[in-house]
Amino acid sequence: MTIWEAILLGALQGATEFLPVSSSGHLVLAEHLLGIDAHRADLMVFNLLIHVATVVAVIVAYREDLSNLFLAALNLPAPVKSPKFGLEMRDIWYTPEQARAIIGWVLGSTIVTGVLYLLLSDVIDPLATNVTMAGVGFLCTSLILAASQRWAGGEVNIRHTGWRRAVLVGLAQTLAILPGISRSGSTIATGLMVGLGRVDAAKFSFFLALPIILLAFAKEAWDARHDMVWGTQAGPYVVGFLTSLVVGIWAINFLIKMLRGRDLYPFVYYTAALGCLTLTLRWLGVL
């Protein structure tokens, strides 16, 4: 893998993991357009590292919020600092009961996604690198985002998410196992449609990214443990990780600020156009 491939794939993962446009779909397209073999030993390691970078991006972007959340859950004093994203101070302060409830809802949503994946994995796994599925998935993402703009309007705070909303978001997250269907898009859109406020729907989605990406990392690392080769591509590994991290932090900040000022229709149009283009290129035999 070259440095330029590492930068491109790292930036794609960092941006599209959090922007509602599907990281899996973009990576499938990039690998086909660049002629990259997804089963190469060095690429397996690289993909694992850039996914870990996106977890670190969430931790960095929400470091004060997450610190307060976990300290409150342990009934310890939380060092509340200046909140990010133009929020009020109360938006990163939690009682122990609220913190434990939020963590429980996040874990509950993750369990829903995990159980459904295990039940459907034999059907889903063969589609992971399918270009046609990616094109259809982009169109599905566009429809999901458009529906959220049509039926959103609630202002429920993340502290009042509740189990019903958490389970529905977990069900929506299962769709994102398919390439082209955005994890952040499906979870944010579902959060909006069940009444969460814009910033709170995004926060719940990003908190939910932590356990699900780590679980996906663990599964991929275990499945590919005999094929991966570590240490032979140190330069591209480091560059890809750092690129994914920096771009991921930018994408989180960008999306949160966007949600505070406008709707998601730019992403509706983008994923619809990309889906049509992908299916057209597939039909023409280019992909």
Protein backbone atom coordinates (compact mmCIF):
# COMPACT_ATOMS: atom_id res chain seq x y z
CA MET A 1 0.00 0.00 0.00
CA THR A 2 1.30 3.45 -0.92
CA ILE A 3 1.18 6.56 1.28
CA TRP A 4 -1.35 8.14 -1.09
CA GLU A 5 -3.66 5.12 -0.87
CA ALA A 6 -3.36 5.28 2.91
CA ILE A 7 -4.28 8.99 2.95
CA LEU A 8 -7.25 8.47 0.62
CA LEU A 9 -8.68 5.45 2.42
CA GLY A 10 -8.02 6.98 5.86
CA ALA A 11 -9.77 10.22 4.89
CA LEU A 12 -12.69 8.30 3.39
CA GLN A 13 -13.15 6.25 6.57
CA GLY A 14 -12.80 9.25 8.88
CA ALA A 15 -15.31 11.39 6.99
CA THR A 16 -17.86 8.81 5.95
CA GLU A 17 -18.04 6.97 9.29
CA PHE A 18 -19.69 10.04 10.80
CA LEU A 19 -21.19 11.96 7.89
CA PRO A 20 -24.43 10.16 6.90
CA VAL A 21 -23.15 8.83 3.58
CA SER A 22 -21.87 5.27 4.42
CA SER A 23 -18.23 4.47 5.03
CA SER A 24 -18.63 0.85 3.88
CA GLY A 25 -20.13 1.91 0.55
CA HIS A 26 -17.39 4.47 -0.13
CA LEU A 27 -14.64 2.00 0.76
CA VAL A 28 -16.16 -0.63 -1.55
CA LEU A 29 -16.16 1.91 -4.40
CA ALA A 30 -12.61 3.09 -3.63
CA GLU A 31 -11.25 -0.45 -3.55
CA HIS A 32 -12.87 -1.28 -6.89
CA LEU A 33 -11.85 1.97 -8.60
CA LEU A 34 -8.27 1.73 -7.34
CA GLY A 35 -8.03 -2.01 -7.98
CA ILE A 36 -7.22 -2.74 -4.33
CA ASP A 37 -7.63 -6.35 -3.20
CA ALA A 38 -9.71 -6.23 -0.02
CA HIS A 39 -8.21 -9.55 1.10
CA ARG A 40 -4.60 -8.38 0.99
CA ALA A 41 -2.87 -9.00 4.29
CA ASP A 42 -1.67 -5.42 4.64
CA LEU A 43 -5.11 -3.99 3.80
CA MET A 44 -6.76 -6.13 6.48
CA VAL A 45 -4.51 -4.62 9.12
CA PHE A 46 -4.94 -1.16 7.64
CA ASN A 47 -8.76 -1.38 7.71
CA LEU A 48 -8.66 -2.43 11.36
CA LEU A 49 -6.43 0.50 12.28
CA ILE A 50 -8.50 3.17 10.54
CA HIS A 51 -11.64 1.84 12.23
CA VAL A 52 -9.91 2.15 15.61
CA ALA A 53 -8.97 5.71 14.62
CA THR A 54 -12.67 6.58 14.29
CA VAL A 55 -13.29 5.33 17.84
CA VAL A 56 -10.48 7.59 19.05
CA ALA A 57 -12.06 10.45 17.07
CA VAL A 58 -15.33 10.09 19.02
CA ILE A 59 -13.44 9.99 22.31
CA VAL A 60 -11.47 13.13 21.43
CA ALA A 61 -14.46 15.07 20.11
CA TYR A 62 -16.66 14.15 23.09
CA ARG A 63 -13.90 13.85 25.70
CA GLU A 64 -15.50 16.18 28.27
CA ASP A 65 -18.96 14.77 27.71
CA LEU A 66 -17.80 11.15 27.99
CA SER A 67 -15.65 11.92 31.01
CA ASN A 68 -18.59 13.48 32.81
CA LEU A 69 -20.86 10.62 31.77
CA PHE A 70 -18.68 7.81 33.10
CA LEU A 71 -17.66 9.65 36.27
CA ALA A 72 -21.30 10.39 37.03
CA ALA A 73 -22.19 6.73 36.43
CA LEU A 74 -19.59 5.82 39.07
CA ASN A 75 -21.05 8.45 41.39
CA LEU A 76 -17.80 10.45 41.25
CA PRO A 77 -17.57 14.24 40.89
CA ALA A 78 -17.38 15.26 37.23
CA PRO A 79 -14.94 18.02 36.19
CA VAL A 80 -17.38 19.79 33.87
CA LYS A 81 -15.51 22.13 31.51
CA SER A 82 -16.60 24.41 28.71
CA PRO A 83 -19.00 22.46 26.48
CA LYS A 84 -18.29 21.96 22.79
CA PHE A 85 -20.54 22.61 19.81
CA GLY A 86 -22.08 25.77 21.29
CA LEU A 87 -24.12 23.86 23.84
CA GLU A 88 -25.16 25.03 27.28
CA MET A 89 -23.27 23.74 30.30
CA ARG A 90 -26.19 21.52 31.35
CA ASP A 91 -25.83 19.50 28.14
CA ILE A 92 -22.65 17.81 29.39
CA TRP A 93 -23.72 17.37 33.00
CA TYR A 94 -25.48 14.22 34.24
CA THR A 95 -26.85 12.81 37.46
CA PRO A 96 -25.66 9.27 38.30
CA GLU A 97 -29.09 7.91 37.36
CA GLN A 98 -29.10 9.68 34.00
CA ALA A 99 -25.55 8.55 33.19
CA ARG A 100 -26.28 4.91 34.00
CA ALA A 101 -29.47 5.03 31.96
CA ILE A 102 -27.69 6.45 28.90
CA ILE A 103 -24.93 3.84 29.11
CA GLY A 104 -27.58 1.14 29.47
CA TRP A 105 -29.47 2.37 26.42
CA VAL A 106 -26.28 2.48 24.34
CA LEU A 107 -25.36 -1.07 25.38
CA GLY A 108 -28.95 -2.24 24.81
CA SER A 109 -28.95 -0.82 21.27
CA THR A 110 -25.61 -2.53 20.63
CA ILE A 111 -26.96 -5.88 21.82
CA VAL A 112 -29.97 -5.56 19.50
CA THR A 113 -27.65 -4.90 16.56
CA GLY A 114 -25.28 -7.72 17.54
CA VAL A 115 -28.00 -10.34 17.95
CA LEU A 116 -29.62 -9.47 14.63
CA TYR A 117 -26.24 -9.56 12.90
CA LEU A 118 -25.51 -13.04 14.27
CA LEU A 119 -28.90 -14.24 13.03
CA LEU A 120 -28.44 -12.71 9.56
CA SER A 121 -24.66 -12.95 9.07
CA ASP A 122 -24.83 -15.84 6.57
CA VAL A 123 -26.95 -13.66 4.30
CA ILE A 124 -25.21 -10.33 4.97
CA ASP A 125 -21.51 -11.25 4.86
CA PRO A 126 -21.42 -12.25 1.14
CA LEU A 127 -22.78 -8.78 0.27
CA ALA A 128 -20.06 -6.87 2.15
CA THR A 129 -18.04 -6.05 -0.98
CA ASN A 130 -20.87 -6.15 -3.52
CA VAL A 131 -20.91 -2.98 -5.67
CA THR A 132 -24.55 -3.39 -6.71
CA MET A 133 -25.56 -3.69 -3.06
CA ALA A 134 -23.55 -0.55 -2.31
CA GLY A 135 -25.47 1.35 -5.01
CA VAL A 136 -28.82 0.15 -3.67
CA GLY A 137 -27.62 0.95 -0.15
CA PHE A 138 -26.80 4.55 -1.08
CA LEU A 139 -30.36 4.96 -2.39
CA CYS A 140 -31.74 3.44 0.84
CA THR A 141 -29.66 5.90 2.86
CA SER A 142 -31.10 8.76 0.82
CA LEU A 143 -34.66 7.57 1.51
CA ILE A 144 -33.99 7.11 5.24
CA LEU A 145 -32.52 10.60 5.56
CA ALA A 146 -35.39 12.13 3.55
CA ALA A 147 -37.93 10.37 5.77
CA SER A 148 -36.23 11.75 8.87
CA GLN A 149 -36.54 15.29 7.53
CA ARG A 150 -40.22 14.71 6.78
CA TRP A 151 -41.16 13.17 10.13
CA ALA A 152 -38.64 14.71 12.54
CA GLY A 153 -39.47 17.54 14.89
CA GLY A 154 -39.03 16.29 18.44
CA GLU A 155 -36.82 17.88 21.07
CA VAL A 156 -36.33 14.96 23.47
CA ASN A 157 -33.02 15.18 25.34
CA ILE A 158 -30.67 12.17 25.33
CA ARG A 159 -31.34 11.81 29.06
CA HIS A 160 -34.90 10.80 28.25
CA THR A 161 -34.16 8.44 25.37
CA GLY A 162 -35.86 5.44 26.98
CA TRP A 163 -35.71 1.78 25.98
CA ARG A 164 -38.22 2.02 23.14
CA ARG A 165 -36.19 4.64 21.30
CA ALA A 166 -32.92 2.84 22.08
CA VAL A 167 -34.19 -0.46 20.65
CA LEU A 168 -35.52 1.23 17.50
CA VAL A 169 -32.16 2.94 16.93
CA GLY A 170 -30.43 -0.42 17.47
CA LEU A 171 -32.71 -2.01 14.87
CA ALA A 172 -31.90 0.79 12.43
CA GLN A 173 -28.19 0.33 13.04
CA THR A 174 -28.50 -3.26 11.85
CA LEU A 175 -29.33 -1.99 8.36
CA ALA A 176 -25.89 -0.38 8.18
CA ILE A 177 -24.23 -3.79 8.14
CA LEU A 178 -25.00 -3.71 4.42
CA PRO A 179 -22.65 -1.60 2.25
CA GLY A 180 -24.04 1.75 1.19
CA ILE A 181 -26.39 2.11 4.15
CA SER A 182 -24.93 4.67 6.52
CA ARG A 183 -24.61 3.72 10.18
CA SER A 184 -24.61 7.32 11.36
CA GLY A 185 -27.34 8.21 8.86
CA SER A 186 -29.69 5.40 9.86
CA THR A 187 -29.20 5.92 13.60
CA ILE A 188 -29.45 9.72 13.51
CA ALA A 189 -32.46 9.56 11.20
CA THR A 190 -34.22 7.04 13.43
CA GLY A 191 -33.39 9.11 16.50
CA LEU A 192 -34.98 12.13 14.84
CA MET A 193 -38.07 10.16 13.81
CA VAL A 194 -38.66 8.84 17.35
CA GLY A 195 -38.46 12.34 18.80
CA LEU A 196 -34.86 13.03 19.81
CA GLY A 197 -33.56 16.52 19.16
CA ARG A 198 -31.04 17.00 16.36
CA VAL A 199 -27.91 17.31 18.50
CA ASP A 200 -29.08 14.59 20.90
CA ALA A 201 -29.82 12.16 18.05
CA ALA A 202 -26.28 12.73 16.75
CA LYS A 203 -24.78 12.37 20.23
CA PHE A 204 -26.58 9.06 20.79
CA SER A 205 -25.41 7.85 17.37
CA PHE A 206 -21.79 8.77 18.08
CA PHE A 207 -21.87 7.20 21.56
CA LEU A 208 -23.31 4.10 19.92
CA ALA A 209 -20.36 4.05 17.51
CA LEU A 210 -17.93 3.26 20.33
CA PRO A 211 -19.05 -0.28 21.25
CA ILE A 212 -20.21 -1.29 17.77
CA ILE A 213 -16.97 -0.31 16.03
CA LEU A 214 -14.90 -1.99 18.74
CA LEU A 215 -16.96 -5.17 18.42
CA ALA A 216 -16.59 -5.09 14.63
CA PHE A 217 -12.85 -4.58 15.09
CA ALA A 218 -12.63 -7.58 17.40
CA LYS A 219 -14.59 -9.80 15.00
CA GLU A 220 -12.58 -8.77 11.93
CA ALA A 221 -9.28 -9.19 13.79
CA TRP A 222 -10.28 -12.67 14.96
CA ASP A 223 -11.55 -13.80 11.56
CA ALA A 224 -8.40 -12.58 9.78
CA ARG A 225 -5.90 -13.47 12.51
CA HIS A 226 -4.10 -16.08 10.39
CA ASP A 227 -3.90 -13.95 7.24
CA MET A 228 -2.76 -10.57 8.55
CA VAL A 229 0.86 -9.45 8.46
CA TRP A 230 1.83 -6.81 11.01
CA GLY A 231 4.70 -4.38 10.81
CA THR A 232 5.49 -4.58 7.09
CA GLN A 233 3.69 -1.34 6.21
CA ALA A 234 4.47 0.88 9.20
CA GLY A 235 4.49 4.16 7.24
CA PRO A 236 1.10 3.76 5.52
CA TYR A 237 -0.37 2.30 8.74
CA VAL A 238 0.58 5.40 10.74
CA VAL A 239 -0.43 7.85 8.01
CA GLY A 240 -3.79 6.12 7.49
CA PHE A 241 -4.52 6.04 11.22
CA LEU A 242 -3.69 9.72 11.72
CA THR A 243 -5.61 10.77 8.60
CA SER A 244 -8.70 8.85 9.69
CA LEU A 245 -8.43 10.33 13.20
CA VAL A 246 -8.05 13.96 12.11
CA VAL A 247 -10.72 13.77 9.41
CA GLY A 248 -13.04 11.91 11.79
CA ILE A 249 -12.80 14.68 14.42
CA TRP A 250 -13.48 17.25 11.70
CA ALA A 251 -16.51 15.28 10.43
CA ILE A 252 -18.06 15.05 13.90
CA ASN A 253 -17.66 18.77 14.53
CA PHE A 254 -18.93 19.62 11.03
CA LEU A 255 -22.05 17.46 11.32
CA ILE A 256 -22.97 18.73 14.79
CA LYS A 257 -22.64 22.36 13.70
CA MET A 258 -24.62 21.59 10.55
CA LEU A 259 -27.44 19.97 12.54
CA ARG A 260 -27.73 23.08 14.68
CA GLY A 261 -28.23 25.31 11.66
CA ARG A 262 -29.79 23.36 8.78
CA ASP A 263 -31.35 20.09 7.63
CA LEU A 264 -29.82 16.92 6.15
CA TYR A 265 -31.07 17.39 2.60
CA PRO A 266 -27.56 17.93 1.14
CA PHE A 267 -26.76 14.35 2.19
CA VAL A 268 -30.10 13.14 0.78
CA TYR A 269 -29.18 14.51 -2.64
CA TYR A 270 -25.57 13.32 -2.43
CA THR A 271 -26.38 9.69 -1.55
CA ALA A 272 -29.20 9.57 -4.14
CA ALA A 273 -26.85 10.82 -6.87
CA LEU A 274 -24.04 8.48 -5.77
CA GLY A 275 -26.41 5.51 -5.72
CA CYS A 276 -27.63 6.23 -9.25
CA LEU A 277 -24.05 6.75 -10.46
CA THR A 278 -22.84 3.52 -8.84
CA LEU A 279 -25.62 1.43 -10.36
CA THR A 280 -25.11 3.06 -13.77
CA LEU A 281 -21.36 2.37 -13.74
CA ARG A 282 -22.07 -1.19 -12.63
CA TRP A 283 -24.54 -1.66 -15.49
CA LEU A 284 -21.98 -0.28 -17.95
CA GLY A 285 -19.35 -2.69 -16.60
CA VAL A 286 -17.03 0.06 -15.33
CA LEU A 287 -17.25 -1.26 -11.76
